[in-house]
Amino acid sequence: MTSLSSQSTLLNKQLRRTVRAWWADGLWDMAVAGFCGLTAVWLFPLVRVLAFPAWTWPWPFVTEETVNPMRQEIALWALGMLAVWAVFSFVAYWVVSWLKRRFVATRLGDVRFKFILPIENRILPIFIASYLLISFLVMGLFWLTTGGPRISTAFCVVAPAAMLFTIGKIYELPRYQWVAVLGVALAIGAEFFTTTAVYLEGPTNFLDVSATVGNPSLPLLVWAGVFLLSGLLAFYQTMRLPHVTE
């Protein structure tokens, strides 16, 4: 039993080091930045049309109805987002894998994984605990300062932060913990520049939002910038490492 336990511990450590190497070079940070930016663009009309009955811009939500667009259009737009996510994720995986083989393998070794990375059992409870704690603090802060929880905004502030904190802790990547703090601070700071839109009239600009629903595109754009910065810095440090193989 002791031998089996030792082998299991060794395998877990090796797997952890391999997963860490997959994230360490910053390429996936840049891919996640693209994912956040794409999601921000796609969610913008969807959340607005759900939050405000008079808001029907832009296409495909312009209809002959005087109050709300058709539910079928909203459903198709949401399903379209899932399709865009899937296509982007597969393309990003292959591009990142190629870049790793081309530029990173000679410095940190050739790390390869299937599309779905292995996940340790202890990741889920750490992620849930982090998410609940940060979510409680962020929505409470929004409620006190803006008069509403801004639910979708809070989710897009909290979810990336909890993910970064979890990955940083499990796989010993301190930069992710600092990135989580920076992203939350910038996203919350950006929220203070927003104003509360009139429900029946709808928003007049990007920073005019619903106090209850919020505008998730704003924190997603902040996270896109933070992930891009993290990825560029990590990739720059990786490229400065000496070649270990030829």
Protein backbone atom coordinates (compact mmCIF):
# COMPACT_ATOMS: atom_id res chain seq x y z
CA MET A 1 0.00 0.00 0.00
CA THR A 2 2.83 2.39 0.86
CA SER A 3 4.50 1.72 -2.47
CA LEU A 4 1.26 2.35 -4.39
CA SER A 5 0.67 5.55 -2.42
CA SER A 6 4.20 6.76 -3.16
CA GLN A 7 3.81 6.01 -6.86
CA SER A 8 0.49 7.86 -6.93
CA THR A 9 2.04 10.87 -5.20
CA LEU A 10 4.96 10.87 -7.65
CA LEU A 11 2.62 10.67 -10.64
CA ASN A 12 0.54 13.55 -9.28
CA LYS A 13 3.67 15.67 -8.84
CA GLN A 14 4.85 14.87 -12.36
CA LEU A 15 1.42 15.66 -13.78
CA ARG A 16 1.32 18.91 -11.83
CA ARG A 17 4.72 19.96 -13.17
CA THR A 18 3.64 19.10 -16.71
CA VAL A 19 0.40 21.07 -16.44
CA ARG A 20 2.35 23.96 -14.92
CA ALA A 21 4.67 23.94 -17.93
CA TRP A 22 1.62 24.09 -20.21
CA TRP A 23 0.58 27.41 -18.61
CA ALA A 24 3.99 28.86 -17.75
CA ASP A 25 4.98 30.26 -21.17
CA GLY A 26 2.03 32.67 -21.43
CA LEU A 27 0.66 31.47 -24.77
CA TRP A 28 -2.59 30.29 -23.24
CA ASP A 29 -2.93 33.63 -21.48
CA MET A 30 -3.00 35.31 -24.88
CA ALA A 31 -5.54 32.78 -26.15
CA VAL A 32 -7.76 33.46 -23.13
CA ALA A 33 -7.42 37.19 -23.85
CA GLY A 34 -8.89 36.58 -27.30
CA PHE A 35 -11.66 34.45 -25.78
CA CYS A 36 -12.59 37.23 -23.33
CA GLY A 37 -12.60 39.88 -26.06
CA LEU A 38 -14.75 37.75 -28.35
CA THR A 39 -17.18 36.98 -25.56
CA ALA A 40 -17.41 40.67 -24.65
CA VAL A 41 -18.47 41.53 -28.20
CA TRP A 42 -20.97 38.68 -28.42
CA LEU A 43 -22.55 39.27 -25.01
CA PHE A 44 -23.00 43.02 -25.46
CA PRO A 45 -26.26 42.96 -27.47
CA LEU A 46 -27.54 39.82 -25.74
CA VAL A 47 -27.37 41.21 -22.21
CA ARG A 48 -28.66 44.62 -23.24
CA VAL A 49 -31.73 43.25 -24.97
CA LEU A 50 -32.53 41.07 -21.95
CA ALA A 51 -32.07 43.94 -19.48
CA PHE A 52 -33.96 46.69 -21.30
CA PRO A 53 -37.33 46.17 -23.07
CA ALA A 54 -36.81 49.14 -25.41
CA TRP A 55 -33.32 48.22 -26.56
CA THR A 56 -33.26 46.46 -29.95
CA TRP A 57 -29.94 47.50 -31.47
CA PRO A 58 -27.93 46.10 -33.22
CA TRP A 59 -28.78 43.28 -35.64
CA PRO A 60 -30.15 40.64 -35.27
CA PHE A 61 -32.39 42.19 -32.61
CA VAL A 62 -34.03 44.78 -34.87
CA THR A 63 -37.54 43.44 -35.50
CA GLU A 64 -41.01 44.76 -36.20
CA GLU A 65 -41.96 44.33 -32.55
CA THR A 66 -42.30 47.55 -30.57
CA VAL A 67 -41.12 46.20 -27.22
CA ASN A 68 -38.84 43.18 -27.35
CA PRO A 69 -37.26 41.13 -30.13
CA MET A 70 -38.46 37.61 -30.65
CA ARG A 71 -37.35 34.98 -28.18
CA GLN A 72 -36.23 32.83 -31.11
CA GLU A 73 -33.71 35.48 -32.13
CA ILE A 74 -32.35 35.72 -28.61
CA ALA A 75 -32.06 31.93 -28.38
CA LEU A 76 -30.29 31.71 -31.75
CA TRP A 77 -27.87 34.46 -30.72
CA ALA A 78 -27.06 32.59 -27.49
CA LEU A 79 -26.58 29.30 -29.37
CA GLY A 80 -24.40 31.12 -31.86
CA MET A 81 -22.18 32.19 -29.00
CA LEU A 82 -21.67 28.54 -28.04
CA ALA A 83 -20.69 27.73 -31.62
CA VAL A 84 -18.25 30.66 -31.72
CA TRP A 85 -16.75 29.54 -28.41
CA ALA A 86 -16.25 26.00 -29.72
CA VAL A 87 -14.61 27.11 -32.98
CA PHE A 88 -12.36 29.64 -31.27
CA SER A 89 -11.29 27.11 -28.59
CA PHE A 90 -10.29 24.45 -31.12
CA VAL A 91 -8.44 26.94 -33.32
CA ALA A 92 -6.68 28.46 -30.30
CA TYR A 93 -5.65 24.99 -29.08
CA TRP A 94 -3.98 24.10 -32.37
CA VAL A 95 -2.34 27.50 -32.75
CA VAL A 96 -0.99 27.42 -29.19
CA SER A 97 0.21 23.83 -29.64
CA TRP A 98 2.06 24.80 -32.84
CA LEU A 99 3.66 27.84 -31.18
CA LYS A 100 4.77 25.71 -28.24
CA ARG A 101 6.46 23.23 -30.56
CA ARG A 102 8.00 26.00 -32.64
CA PHE A 103 9.27 28.40 -29.98
CA VAL A 104 8.92 26.91 -26.48
CA ALA A 105 9.88 23.23 -26.80
CA THR A 106 13.60 24.00 -27.17
CA ARG A 107 13.54 26.01 -23.94
CA LEU A 108 11.06 24.35 -21.57
CA GLY A 109 10.59 20.99 -23.24
CA ASP A 110 7.86 19.68 -25.53
CA VAL A 111 4.67 19.64 -23.43
CA ARG A 112 1.65 18.09 -25.11
CA PHE A 113 -1.87 17.48 -23.88
CA LYS A 114 -5.15 16.48 -25.38
CA PHE A 115 -7.71 19.25 -25.85
CA ILE A 116 -9.13 18.73 -22.33
CA LEU A 117 -6.42 19.21 -19.71
CA PRO A 118 -6.37 16.82 -16.74
CA ILE A 119 -7.95 18.33 -13.62
CA GLU A 120 -7.03 17.41 -10.07
CA ASN A 121 -9.80 16.58 -7.62
CA ARG A 122 -8.86 19.38 -5.24
CA ILE A 123 -9.24 22.09 -7.88
CA LEU A 124 -13.04 22.17 -7.72
CA PRO A 125 -13.43 22.91 -3.98
CA ILE A 126 -10.73 25.61 -4.13
CA PHE A 127 -12.40 27.19 -7.15
CA ILE A 128 -15.87 27.11 -5.56
CA ALA A 129 -14.62 28.56 -2.27
CA SER A 130 -12.71 31.31 -4.09
CA TYR A 131 -15.66 32.08 -6.34
CA LEU A 132 -18.20 32.32 -3.51
CA LEU A 133 -15.96 34.51 -1.36
CA ILE A 134 -15.02 36.96 -4.12
CA SER A 135 -18.57 36.98 -5.50
CA PHE A 136 -20.03 37.88 -2.12
CA LEU A 137 -17.56 40.75 -1.70
CA VAL A 138 -17.95 42.11 -5.25
CA MET A 139 -21.77 42.04 -5.38
CA GLY A 140 -21.92 43.54 -1.89
CA LEU A 141 -19.61 46.34 -3.01
CA PHE A 142 -21.66 46.96 -6.15
CA TRP A 143 -24.88 47.06 -4.13
CA LEU A 144 -23.48 49.59 -1.68
CA THR A 145 -21.94 51.85 -4.32
CA THR A 146 -24.26 51.54 -7.34
CA GLY A 147 -27.63 50.53 -5.90
CA GLY A 148 -27.69 47.06 -7.44
CA PRO A 149 -25.76 43.76 -7.54
CA ARG A 150 -24.91 43.98 -11.28
CA ILE A 151 -25.11 40.21 -11.41
CA SER A 152 -23.63 39.51 -14.86
CA THR A 153 -20.84 42.03 -14.29
CA ALA A 154 -20.00 40.49 -10.94
CA PHE A 155 -19.87 37.02 -12.49
CA CYS A 156 -17.43 38.19 -15.18
CA VAL A 157 -15.28 39.88 -12.55
CA VAL A 158 -15.25 36.90 -10.20
CA ALA A 159 -15.05 33.80 -12.42
CA PRO A 160 -11.68 34.61 -14.08
CA ALA A 161 -10.23 35.71 -10.74
CA ALA A 162 -11.26 32.47 -9.02
CA MET A 163 -9.88 30.43 -11.93
CA LEU A 164 -6.56 32.30 -11.85
CA PHE A 165 -6.23 32.00 -8.09
CA THR A 166 -6.93 28.26 -8.24
CA ILE A 167 -4.47 27.57 -11.08
CA GLY A 168 -1.84 29.75 -9.45
CA LYS A 169 -2.15 27.97 -6.13
CA ILE A 170 -2.36 24.40 -7.40
CA TYR A 171 0.35 24.66 -10.05
CA GLU A 172 2.67 27.12 -8.24
CA LEU A 173 2.30 29.99 -10.67
CA PRO A 174 2.51 33.11 -8.49
CA ARG A 175 1.94 35.45 -11.42
CA TYR A 176 -1.63 34.20 -11.73
CA GLN A 177 -2.42 35.23 -8.18
CA TRP A 178 -1.09 38.72 -8.87
CA VAL A 179 -2.98 38.82 -12.18
CA ALA A 180 -6.18 37.84 -10.34
CA VAL A 181 -5.77 40.75 -7.92
CA LEU A 182 -4.94 43.19 -10.74
CA GLY A 183 -7.89 42.06 -12.87
CA VAL A 184 -10.40 42.37 -10.03
CA ALA A 185 -9.08 45.80 -9.05
CA LEU A 186 -9.20 47.15 -12.62
CA ALA A 187 -12.62 45.62 -13.37
CA ILE A 188 -14.15 47.06 -10.20
CA GLY A 189 -12.47 50.40 -10.85
CA ALA A 190 -13.88 50.49 -14.38
CA GLU A 191 -17.34 49.83 -12.98
CA PHE A 192 -17.26 53.10 -11.06
CA PHE A 193 -17.19 54.98 -14.38
CA THR A 194 -20.56 53.52 -15.37
CA THR A 195 -23.98 55.08 -14.85
CA THR A 196 -27.40 53.54 -14.24
CA ALA A 197 -29.64 53.57 -17.31
CA VAL A 198 -33.37 54.34 -17.25
CA TYR A 199 -35.13 50.97 -17.48
CA LEU A 200 -37.87 51.95 -19.94
CA GLU A 201 -35.63 54.09 -22.14
CA GLY A 202 -32.60 51.84 -22.25
CA PRO A 203 -28.87 52.70 -22.22
CA THR A 204 -27.55 55.62 -24.24
CA ASN A 205 -23.87 54.55 -24.30
CA PHE A 206 -21.53 51.69 -23.44
CA LEU A 207 -21.15 52.79 -19.82
CA ASP A 208 -24.91 53.19 -19.23
CA VAL A 209 -25.95 49.91 -17.57
CA SER A 210 -28.64 48.15 -15.60
CA ALA A 211 -28.08 48.25 -11.84
CA THR A 212 -29.42 44.70 -11.54
CA VAL A 213 -27.95 43.01 -14.62
CA GLY A 214 -24.88 45.11 -15.32
CA ASN A 215 -22.75 45.04 -18.47
CA PRO A 216 -20.42 42.00 -18.56
CA SER A 217 -18.63 43.26 -21.65
CA LEU A 218 -16.79 45.88 -19.60
CA PRO A 219 -15.02 43.50 -17.15
CA LEU A 220 -14.42 41.02 -19.98
CA LEU A 221 -12.54 43.67 -21.93
CA VAL A 222 -10.54 44.47 -18.79
CA TRP A 223 -9.69 40.78 -18.36
CA ALA A 224 -8.72 40.55 -22.04
CA GLY A 225 -6.17 43.30 -21.50
CA VAL A 226 -4.89 41.75 -18.26
CA PHE A 227 -4.52 38.27 -19.80
CA LEU A 228 -2.79 39.72 -22.85
CA LEU A 229 -0.31 41.60 -20.66
CA SER A 230 0.33 38.50 -18.53
CA GLY A 231 0.83 36.35 -21.62
CA LEU A 232 3.20 38.77 -23.33
CA LEU A 233 5.35 39.16 -20.22
CA ALA A 234 5.50 35.40 -19.59
CA PHE A 235 6.27 34.66 -23.25
CA TYR A 236 9.00 37.32 -23.28
CA GLN A 237 10.60 35.72 -20.22
CA THR A 238 10.33 32.29 -21.84
CA MET A 239 12.00 33.46 -25.04
CA ARG A 240 14.94 34.79 -23.01
CA LEU A 241 15.67 31.30 -21.66
CA PRO A 242 18.56 29.42 -23.29
CA HIS A 243 17.90 26.53 -25.65
CA VAL A 244 18.20 23.17 -23.91
CA THR A 245 17.84 21.03 -27.03
CA GLU A 246 18.68 21.53 -30.66
